[in-house]
Amino acid sequence: MAIWNPFSRKKKNLAPPAETPAVQEPVTAPSAAAPPPPLDRPPHPSASPDPLPGDDPAVEEGVESYLNSPALEPPAGETLPPESPALESSPATESPAPESASHEPASAKPKTGLLGKFRNVLRKTVQVLNTDIRDLVGKEGRLVDDDFLDELFTLLVKTDMGVRPATKIRDQIRSDFRGRKVFLSDLIAAARETVYEIMHQENAGINFAASGPTVIMVIGVNGSGKTTSIAKLTARFVAEGKSVVLGAGDTFRAAAVEQLTIWAGRLGAKIVSGKPGADPSSIAYRAVETARNENADICIVDTAGRLQTQINLMEELSRIRRVIGKVIPGAPHEVLLVLDATAGQNGLSQAKGFSEAAGCSGIVLAKLDGTARGGVAIPIRQEFGLPVKFVGLGEKPEDLAPFDVENYIRALLDTGD
């Protein structure tokens, strides 16, 4: 079945007449869903049978002020343990690019909408990629020969787009323009069309259960943004009117249970936890059982961060998955791998290891706003066929956005249209 490509070039104009259009205008993507409304629901009581470190009056009093705040930050006077790198991103990795890194004047107004957000967070990647491509092609165009193709390939790989996608784009340019002059608009149009063929995904949404709770298992390495992504997913579901139960299955990292408990209190979710060092499979079992017994809509099970090379811990993921399936046949309905976009090509190794151990169904690409290597989603999609379901575009709850392929491509290969 043929895939409709909104970036398809209906007519390949290989000559360089003066009237060559800047870029074939793509069909506008469907409007993104509006950001979730303010989270003004009161927190539910904890479902955990164990004493929870987050059950503190100060936390309850801080809920309302937090929900009205623009970003996910600890309540006033509350300090997070230093061992909790996944809660907040460091300024070096997740802060938006400075204005000086943008092609826009400092006085330009911030761009809005999903395309605007993608453009804002991919500024660093666009600067590395598109500025160099403009220099490579030049205003007068460039003859496509072996030297040009080699230079183009090098520029594409610099964005962590991967060797196979970069090769496919280079070969498409060779096929279309070999021995002819290529202009920036021609090159960008060809690259967009090729990347869409790689990135196209039929279903990037959550696979909700037909009945009963939808169970989402979240996995990833330490520091990838896993806990923050769980908090943002929870905020999204609660804003949609869904009831959420969290399973604090990361029993190995210091203060991980505390951290997730604080988020549960703020966002109005229930949480099931255990003592430090408790069997994570038992936590997962009780969390899913609680969600089923209380007719919750969503159950999100956290797991301990681990490296994909730690065989015993990776086997534990398989066990957690089997235990969940004993409570609700067919669960988990989603296994989301949180990848740090700043990790670059190491994300490919992570995706391979976690997919083999836990059967990943999708990717959450965190910290996309803090990297100059925003092309990493392309090789992940090509190598493993895993859809990118959500991307982290900032620190606020609504900045975990559903992945939109068209807007991602338009922003990555940005010509300002």
Protein backbone atom coordinates (compact mmCIF):
# COMPACT_ATOMS: atom_id res chain seq x y z
CA MET A 1 0.00 0.00 0.00
CA ALA A 2 1.46 3.34 -1.09
CA ILE A 3 2.19 5.90 1.61
CA TRP A 4 0.89 9.39 1.00
CA ASN A 5 3.83 11.72 1.42
CA PRO A 6 2.93 15.37 2.06
CA PHE A 7 6.44 16.37 0.99
CA SER A 8 6.28 14.53 -2.33
CA ARG A 9 7.61 16.48 -5.29
CA LYS A 10 4.99 15.99 -7.99
CA LYS A 11 7.30 17.26 -10.70
CA LYS A 12 11.06 17.07 -10.42
CA ASN A 13 12.37 20.22 -12.02
CA LEU A 14 16.01 19.36 -12.55
CA ALA A 15 16.94 22.54 -14.38
CA PRO A 16 17.69 25.72 -12.40
CA PRO A 17 15.37 28.35 -13.93
CA ALA A 18 14.97 31.60 -12.02
CA GLU A 19 11.34 30.89 -11.26
CA THR A 20 12.10 27.68 -9.35
CA PRO A 21 9.83 27.77 -6.30
CA ALA A 22 11.50 27.94 -2.90
CA VAL A 23 10.06 24.65 -1.65
CA GLN A 24 7.07 22.51 -2.55
CA GLU A 25 4.53 23.58 0.06
CA PRO A 26 3.54 20.54 2.13
CA VAL A 27 -0.03 19.84 2.99
CA THR A 28 -0.68 21.34 6.40
CA ALA A 29 -0.72 18.74 9.15
CA PRO A 30 -3.91 18.39 11.16
CA SER A 31 -4.06 20.85 14.01
CA ALA A 32 -2.36 19.61 17.14
CA ALA A 33 -4.49 19.01 20.15
CA ALA A 34 -4.85 22.02 22.42
CA PRO A 35 -2.59 22.01 25.50
CA PRO A 36 -4.23 20.36 28.47
CA PRO A 37 -6.19 22.72 30.75
CA PRO A 38 -4.72 23.81 34.09
CA LEU A 39 -4.42 20.95 36.51
CA ASP A 40 -6.82 21.98 39.22
CA ARG A 41 -7.92 18.59 40.51
CA PRO A 42 -7.14 17.85 44.17
CA PRO A 43 -4.77 14.95 44.88
CA HIS A 44 -6.25 11.55 45.66
CA PRO A 45 -5.27 9.68 48.82
CA SER A 46 -2.40 7.24 48.43
CA ALA A 47 -3.22 3.61 47.66
CA SER A 48 0.08 2.36 49.06
CA PRO A 49 -0.11 0.10 52.14
CA ASP A 50 3.31 1.40 53.21
CA PRO A 51 4.01 4.79 54.80
CA LEU A 52 4.77 7.23 52.03
CA PRO A 53 7.53 9.79 52.46
CA GLY A 54 5.56 12.30 50.46
CA ASP A 55 2.47 12.36 52.76
CA ASP A 56 3.32 15.70 54.27
CA PRO A 57 0.93 18.64 54.95
CA ALA A 58 3.45 20.94 53.31
CA VAL A 59 3.13 19.01 50.08
CA GLU A 60 -0.67 19.15 50.17
CA GLU A 61 -0.57 22.91 50.79
CA GLY A 62 1.81 23.36 47.90
CA VAL A 63 -0.36 21.50 45.40
CA GLU A 64 -2.55 24.41 44.38
CA SER A 65 0.35 26.82 43.91
CA TYR A 66 2.22 24.21 41.90
CA LEU A 67 -0.67 23.49 39.58
CA ASN A 68 -0.92 27.17 38.74
CA SER A 69 2.81 27.49 38.12
CA PRO A 70 4.14 27.40 34.54
CA ALA A 71 6.79 24.72 35.04
CA LEU A 72 7.35 21.44 36.83
CA GLU A 73 9.45 22.66 39.76
CA PRO A 74 9.72 21.57 43.39
CA PRO A 75 7.42 23.42 45.82
CA ALA A 76 8.94 26.38 47.63
CA GLY A 77 11.33 25.30 50.33
CA GLU A 78 11.50 21.73 49.08
CA THR A 79 14.88 20.35 48.01
CA LEU A 80 15.22 17.25 45.92
CA PRO A 81 17.96 14.73 46.77
CA PRO A 82 21.10 14.98 44.64
CA GLU A 83 20.61 11.38 43.50
CA SER A 84 17.50 12.31 41.49
CA PRO A 85 18.88 13.47 38.13
CA ALA A 86 15.77 12.43 36.21
CA LEU A 87 13.40 14.87 37.92
CA GLU A 88 14.77 18.10 36.55
CA SER A 89 17.08 18.51 33.61
CA SER A 90 20.35 20.27 34.03
CA PRO A 91 20.65 23.66 32.37
CA ALA A 92 23.40 22.26 30.18
CA THR A 93 21.18 19.63 28.61
CA GLU A 94 17.57 20.71 28.68
CA SER A 95 17.44 24.50 28.56
CA PRO A 96 16.12 26.14 25.45
CA ALA A 97 18.82 27.43 23.11
CA PRO A 98 19.84 31.05 23.69
CA GLU A 99 18.54 33.66 21.31
CA SER A 100 22.03 34.11 19.90
CA ALA A 101 21.91 30.56 18.52
CA SER A 102 18.82 31.31 16.46
CA HIS A 103 18.62 32.75 12.97
CA GLU A 104 15.83 35.00 14.20
CA PRO A 105 16.49 38.51 15.52
CA ALA A 106 16.51 38.86 19.30
CA SER A 107 13.34 40.93 19.11
CA ALA A 108 11.37 38.22 17.32
CA LYS A 109 8.33 36.96 19.17
CA PRO A 110 8.43 33.34 20.37
CA LYS A 111 6.81 30.98 17.90
CA THR A 112 3.59 29.33 18.98
CA GLY A 113 1.77 26.16 18.05
CA LEU A 114 3.29 22.71 17.68
CA LEU A 115 5.37 23.66 14.62
CA GLY A 116 6.63 26.72 16.47
CA LYS A 117 7.61 24.58 19.46
CA PHE A 118 9.47 22.13 17.24
CA ARG A 119 11.31 24.99 15.57
CA ASN A 120 12.24 26.52 18.90
CA VAL A 121 13.60 23.31 20.41
CA LEU A 122 15.43 22.22 17.25
CA ARG A 123 17.28 25.50 16.87
CA LYS A 124 20.63 23.94 17.68
CA THR A 125 20.15 21.11 15.21
CA VAL A 126 18.94 23.52 12.53
CA GLN A 127 21.99 25.71 13.12
CA VAL A 128 24.34 22.75 12.69
CA LEU A 129 22.52 21.28 9.71
CA ASN A 130 20.83 23.96 7.65
CA THR A 131 23.39 26.72 8.10
CA ASP A 132 26.13 24.37 6.90
CA ILE A 133 23.98 23.20 3.99
CA ARG A 134 23.38 26.80 2.94
CA ASP A 135 27.13 27.34 2.98
CA LEU A 136 27.64 24.11 1.03
CA VAL A 137 25.16 24.98 -1.72
CA GLY A 138 25.68 28.74 -1.83
CA LYS A 139 23.37 31.34 -3.33
CA GLU A 140 24.33 30.42 -6.86
CA GLY A 141 23.80 26.69 -6.43
CA ARG A 142 26.39 23.91 -6.54
CA LEU A 143 27.30 21.27 -9.08
CA VAL A 144 26.44 17.83 -7.75
CA ASP A 145 29.63 15.77 -8.00
CA ASP A 146 31.40 13.28 -5.75
CA ASP A 147 32.96 16.00 -3.59
CA PHE A 148 29.60 17.68 -3.02
CA LEU A 149 27.91 14.39 -2.13
CA ASP A 150 30.65 13.50 0.36
CA GLU A 151 30.38 16.89 2.06
CA LEU A 152 26.59 16.63 2.22
CA PHE A 153 26.79 13.16 3.76
CA THR A 154 29.15 14.43 6.47
CA LEU A 155 26.82 17.30 7.36
CA LEU A 156 23.83 14.98 7.68
CA VAL A 157 25.67 12.55 9.94
CA LYS A 158 26.65 15.43 12.26
CA THR A 159 23.03 15.72 13.42
CA ASP A 160 23.04 12.06 14.55
CA MET A 161 20.65 11.32 11.72
CA GLY A 162 22.53 8.07 11.27
CA VAL A 163 24.50 6.56 8.41
CA ARG A 164 21.60 4.77 6.70
CA PRO A 165 19.24 7.80 6.56
CA ALA A 166 22.11 10.10 5.52
CA THR A 167 23.06 7.62 2.80
CA LYS A 168 19.48 7.46 1.54
CA ILE A 169 19.22 11.27 1.30
CA ARG A 170 22.61 11.51 -0.41
CA ASP A 171 21.68 8.81 -2.93
CA GLN A 172 18.38 10.57 -3.69
CA ILE A 173 20.25 13.81 -4.41
CA ARG A 174 22.71 11.91 -6.61
CA SER A 175 19.84 10.30 -8.54
CA ASP A 176 17.97 13.57 -9.07
CA PHE A 177 20.78 16.06 -9.67
CA ARG A 178 23.98 14.25 -10.67
CA GLY A 179 25.95 16.50 -13.07
CA ARG A 180 23.52 19.38 -12.55
CA LYS A 181 23.38 22.35 -10.25
CA VAL A 182 21.34 21.95 -7.09
CA PHE A 183 19.83 24.85 -5.20
CA LEU A 184 18.93 25.00 -1.51
CA SER A 185 15.20 24.71 -2.17
CA ASP A 186 15.70 21.60 -4.32
CA LEU A 187 17.92 19.93 -1.76
CA ILE A 188 15.61 20.65 1.19
CA ALA A 189 12.56 19.41 -0.73
CA ALA A 190 14.31 16.15 -1.63
CA ALA A 191 15.55 15.66 1.94
CA ARG A 192 12.08 16.27 3.40
CA GLU A 193 10.50 13.75 1.05
CA THR A 194 13.10 11.10 1.87
CA VAL A 195 12.96 11.62 5.64
CA TYR A 196 9.17 11.36 5.61
CA GLU A 197 9.42 7.98 3.88
CA ILE A 198 11.60 6.83 6.78
CA MET A 199 9.66 8.47 9.62
CA HIS A 200 6.07 7.81 8.53
CA GLN A 201 4.17 6.00 11.28
CA GLU A 202 0.56 4.92 11.23
CA ASN A 203 -0.17 5.02 14.95
CA ALA A 204 1.81 7.26 17.30
CA GLY A 205 -0.88 7.44 19.97
CA ILE A 206 -1.26 5.43 23.16
CA ASN A 207 -2.69 1.95 22.62
CA PHE A 208 -5.56 2.13 25.11
CA ALA A 209 -7.12 -1.06 26.44
CA ALA A 210 -10.55 -1.95 25.07
CA SER A 211 -11.81 -2.26 28.65
CA GLY A 212 -10.35 -1.85 32.10
CA PRO A 213 -7.13 -0.02 32.96
CA THR A 214 -4.55 0.74 30.30
CA VAL A 215 -1.19 -0.34 31.71
CA ILE A 216 1.91 1.57 30.60
CA MET A 217 5.34 0.28 31.58
CA VAL A 218 8.09 2.93 31.42
CA ILE A 219 11.73 1.93 31.02
CA GLY A 220 15.07 3.60 30.34
CA VAL A 221 18.54 4.34 31.65
CA ASN A 222 19.22 6.52 34.68
CA GLY A 223 19.22 10.22 33.88
CA SER A 224 17.23 9.84 30.65
CA GLY A 225 14.32 11.91 31.98
CA LYS A 226 12.19 8.87 32.83
CA THR A 227 10.60 10.16 36.05
CA THR A 228 9.90 13.60 34.62
CA SER A 229 8.32 11.99 31.56
CA ILE A 230 6.07 9.88 33.81
CA ALA A 231 5.00 13.04 35.63
CA LYS A 232 4.21 14.77 32.33
CA LEU A 233 2.28 11.77 31.03
CA THR A 234 0.31 11.70 34.28
CA ALA A 235 -0.45 15.42 34.00
CA ARG A 236 -1.70 14.88 30.47
CA PHE A 237 -4.00 12.00 31.42
CA VAL A 238 -5.37 13.75 34.51
CA ALA A 239 -6.11 16.87 32.45
CA GLU A 240 -8.11 14.65 30.09
CA GLY A 241 -10.24 13.52 33.04
CA LYS A 242 -8.62 10.11 33.43
CA SER A 243 -7.82 8.53 36.80
CA VAL A 244 -4.22 7.41 37.16
CA VAL A 245 -2.42 4.96 39.43
CA LEU A 246 1.37 5.08 39.60
CA GLY A 247 3.56 2.13 40.52
CA ALA A 248 6.87 3.25 42.07
CA GLY A 249 8.88 0.29 40.82
CA ASP A 250 12.26 2.04 40.89
CA THR A 251 13.21 0.68 44.29
CA PHE A 252 16.96 0.83 43.75
CA ARG A 253 17.68 4.51 43.08
CA ALA A 254 17.90 6.61 46.22
CA ALA A 255 14.82 8.83 46.71
CA ALA A 256 13.13 7.56 43.52
CA VAL A 257 10.00 6.54 45.46
CA GLU A 258 9.95 9.90 47.26
CA GLN A 259 10.27 11.72 43.99
CA LEU A 260 7.38 9.91 42.30
CA THR A 261 5.25 10.26 45.45
CA ILE A 262 5.65 14.04 45.35
CA TRP A 263 4.50 14.09 41.73
CA ALA A 264 1.52 11.88 42.52
CA GLY A 265 0.43 14.26 45.26
CA ARG A 266 0.73 17.28 43.01
CA LEU A 267 -0.99 15.80 40.01
CA GLY A 268 -3.88 14.03 41.69
CA ALA A 269 -2.74 10.47 41.03
CA LYS A 270 -2.70 7.51 43.38
CA ILE A 271 0.56 5.74 44.04
CA VAL A 272 1.56 2.24 45.08
CA SER A 273 5.03 1.93 46.54
CA GLY A 274 7.11 -0.30 48.78
CA LYS A 275 10.10 -0.21 51.05
CA PRO A 276 13.55 0.62 49.60
CA GLY A 277 14.99 -2.45 47.93
CA ALA A 278 11.59 -4.15 47.62
CA ASP A 279 11.00 -6.50 44.71
CA PRO A 280 9.95 -4.24 41.80
CA SER A 281 7.79 -7.04 40.36
CA SER A 282 5.68 -7.04 43.53
CA ILE A 283 5.23 -3.27 43.26
CA ALA A 284 4.13 -3.63 39.65
CA TYR A 285 1.71 -6.43 40.60
CA ARG A 286 0.08 -4.38 43.38
CA ALA A 287 -0.10 -1.23 41.26
CA VAL A 288 -1.90 -2.98 38.40
CA GLU A 289 -4.13 -4.84 40.86
CA THR A 290 -5.06 -1.52 42.53
CA ALA A 291 -5.86 0.06 39.17
CA ARG A 292 -8.06 -2.90 38.24
CA ASN A 293 -9.88 -3.05 41.57
CA GLU A 294 -10.55 0.70 41.64
CA ASN A 295 -11.53 0.91 37.95
CA ALA A 296 -8.75 3.40 37.19
CA ASP A 297 -8.26 4.45 33.60
CA ILE A 298 -4.47 4.37 33.52
CA CYS A 299 -1.73 2.56 35.44
CA ILE A 300 1.85 3.73 34.83
CA VAL A 301 4.55 1.43 36.20
CA ASP A 302 7.99 2.95 36.76
CA THR A 303 11.04 0.71 36.64
CA ALA A 304 14.60 1.07 37.87
CA GLY A 305 16.93 2.82 35.47
CA ARG A 306 19.56 0.51 34.09
CA LEU A 307 22.10 0.20 31.34
CA GLN A 308 21.17 -1.97 28.40
CA THR A 309 24.35 -3.98 29.05
CA GLN A 310 23.29 -5.09 32.57
CA ILE A 311 21.93 -8.52 31.69
CA ASN A 312 20.47 -9.39 35.10
CA LEU A 313 18.57 -6.10 35.31
CA MET A 314 17.33 -6.41 31.75
CA GLU A 315 16.00 -9.89 32.58
CA GLU A 316 14.14 -8.32 35.49
CA LEU A 317 12.20 -6.18 32.98
CA SER A 318 10.98 -9.34 31.30
CA ARG A 319 9.85 -10.67 34.69
CA ILE A 320 7.97 -7.44 35.52
CA ARG A 321 6.20 -7.67 32.20
CA ARG A 322 5.14 -11.26 32.85
CA VAL A 323 3.87 -10.38 36.33
CA ILE A 324 1.77 -7.52 34.97
CA GLY A 325 0.23 -9.88 32.42
CA LYS A 326 -0.90 -12.20 35.20
CA VAL A 327 -3.07 -9.46 36.69
CA ILE A 328 -4.50 -8.18 33.42
CA PRO A 329 -4.15 -10.50 30.41
CA GLY A 330 -2.60 -8.64 27.50
CA ALA A 331 -0.98 -6.02 29.71
CA PRO A 332 1.16 -4.00 29.56
CA HIS A 333 -0.56 -2.33 26.66
CA GLU A 334 2.39 0.00 26.13
CA VAL A 335 6.09 -0.34 26.96
CA LEU A 336 7.56 3.12 26.49
CA LEU A 337 11.32 3.57 26.31
CA VAL A 338 12.45 7.02 27.43
CA LEU A 339 15.52 8.12 25.49
CA ASP A 340 17.58 11.21 26.19
CA ALA A 341 17.85 13.04 22.86
CA THR A 342 21.22 14.40 23.92
CA ALA A 343 22.59 10.83 24.03
CA GLY A 344 22.82 10.76 20.25
CA GLN A 345 23.78 7.48 18.65
CA ASN A 346 23.97 5.76 22.04
CA GLY A 347 20.18 5.87 21.88
CA LEU A 348 20.34 3.23 19.13
CA SER A 349 22.16 0.82 21.42
CA GLN A 350 19.64 1.52 24.18
CA ALA A 351 16.68 0.94 21.88
CA LYS A 352 18.13 -2.40 20.75
CA GLY A 353 18.84 -3.68 24.26
CA PHE A 354 15.55 -2.60 25.80
CA SER A 355 13.49 -3.84 22.85
CA GLU A 356 14.97 -7.31 23.18
CA ALA A 357 14.36 -7.42 26.95
CA ALA A 358 10.97 -5.75 27.32
CA GLY A 359 9.40 -5.59 23.88
CA CYS A 360 9.21 -1.81 23.52
CA SER A 361 6.14 -0.47 21.74
CA GLY A 362 7.22 3.15 21.44
CA ILE A 363 9.71 5.88 22.25
CA VAL A 364 9.46 8.96 24.44
CA LEU A 365 12.22 11.26 23.22
CA ALA A 366 13.07 13.47 26.20
CA LYS A 367 15.19 16.64 26.27
CA LEU A 368 14.80 17.34 22.57
CA ASP A 369 15.01 21.03 23.49
CA GLY A 370 18.57 20.69 24.78
CA THR A 371 20.46 19.06 21.93
CA ALA A 372 22.14 19.84 18.64
CA ARG A 373 21.54 16.24 17.58
CA GLY A 374 17.79 16.28 17.11
CA GLY A 375 17.99 13.95 14.13
CA VAL A 376 18.38 10.90 16.37
CA ALA A 377 14.69 10.01 16.01
CA ILE A 378 15.27 9.15 12.34
CA PRO A 379 17.68 6.19 12.69
CA ILE A 380 15.69 4.81 15.65
CA ARG A 381 12.62 4.73 13.46
CA GLN A 382 14.50 3.21 10.52
CA GLU A 383 16.48 0.60 12.46
CA PHE A 384 13.78 -0.71 14.80
CA GLY A 385 10.46 0.46 13.40
CA LEU A 386 9.56 1.89 16.82
CA PRO A 387 7.22 4.88 16.66
CA VAL A 388 8.20 8.01 18.54
CA LYS A 389 5.04 8.63 20.58
CA PHE A 390 5.96 11.68 22.64
CA VAL A 391 8.72 14.27 22.67
CA GLY A 392 9.91 16.52 25.48
CA LEU A 393 9.81 20.10 24.22
CA GLY A 394 10.35 21.91 27.53
CA GLU A 395 9.77 21.78 31.27
CA LYS A 396 6.04 22.50 31.54
CA PRO A 397 3.48 19.65 31.67
CA GLU A 398 2.09 20.50 28.24
CA ASP A 399 5.60 20.40 26.77
CA LEU A 400 5.44 16.62 26.52
CA ALA A 401 3.77 16.65 23.14
CA PRO A 402 2.53 13.86 20.86
CA PHE A 403 5.08 13.37 18.12
CA ASP A 404 4.03 14.90 14.82
CA VAL A 405 6.15 13.68 11.90
CA GLU A 406 5.30 16.50 9.49
CA ASN A 407 6.03 19.28 11.96
CA TYR A 408 9.22 17.55 13.07
CA ILE A 409 10.48 17.36 9.47
CA ARG A 410 9.47 20.93 8.67
CA ALA A 411 11.34 22.13 11.76
CA LEU A 412 14.40 19.92 11.28
CA LEU A 413 14.79 20.95 7.65
CA ASP A 414 13.69 24.50 8.29
CA THR A 415 13.31 27.05 5.52
CA GLY A 416 10.96 29.29 7.48
CA ASP A 417 7.79 28.17 5.66
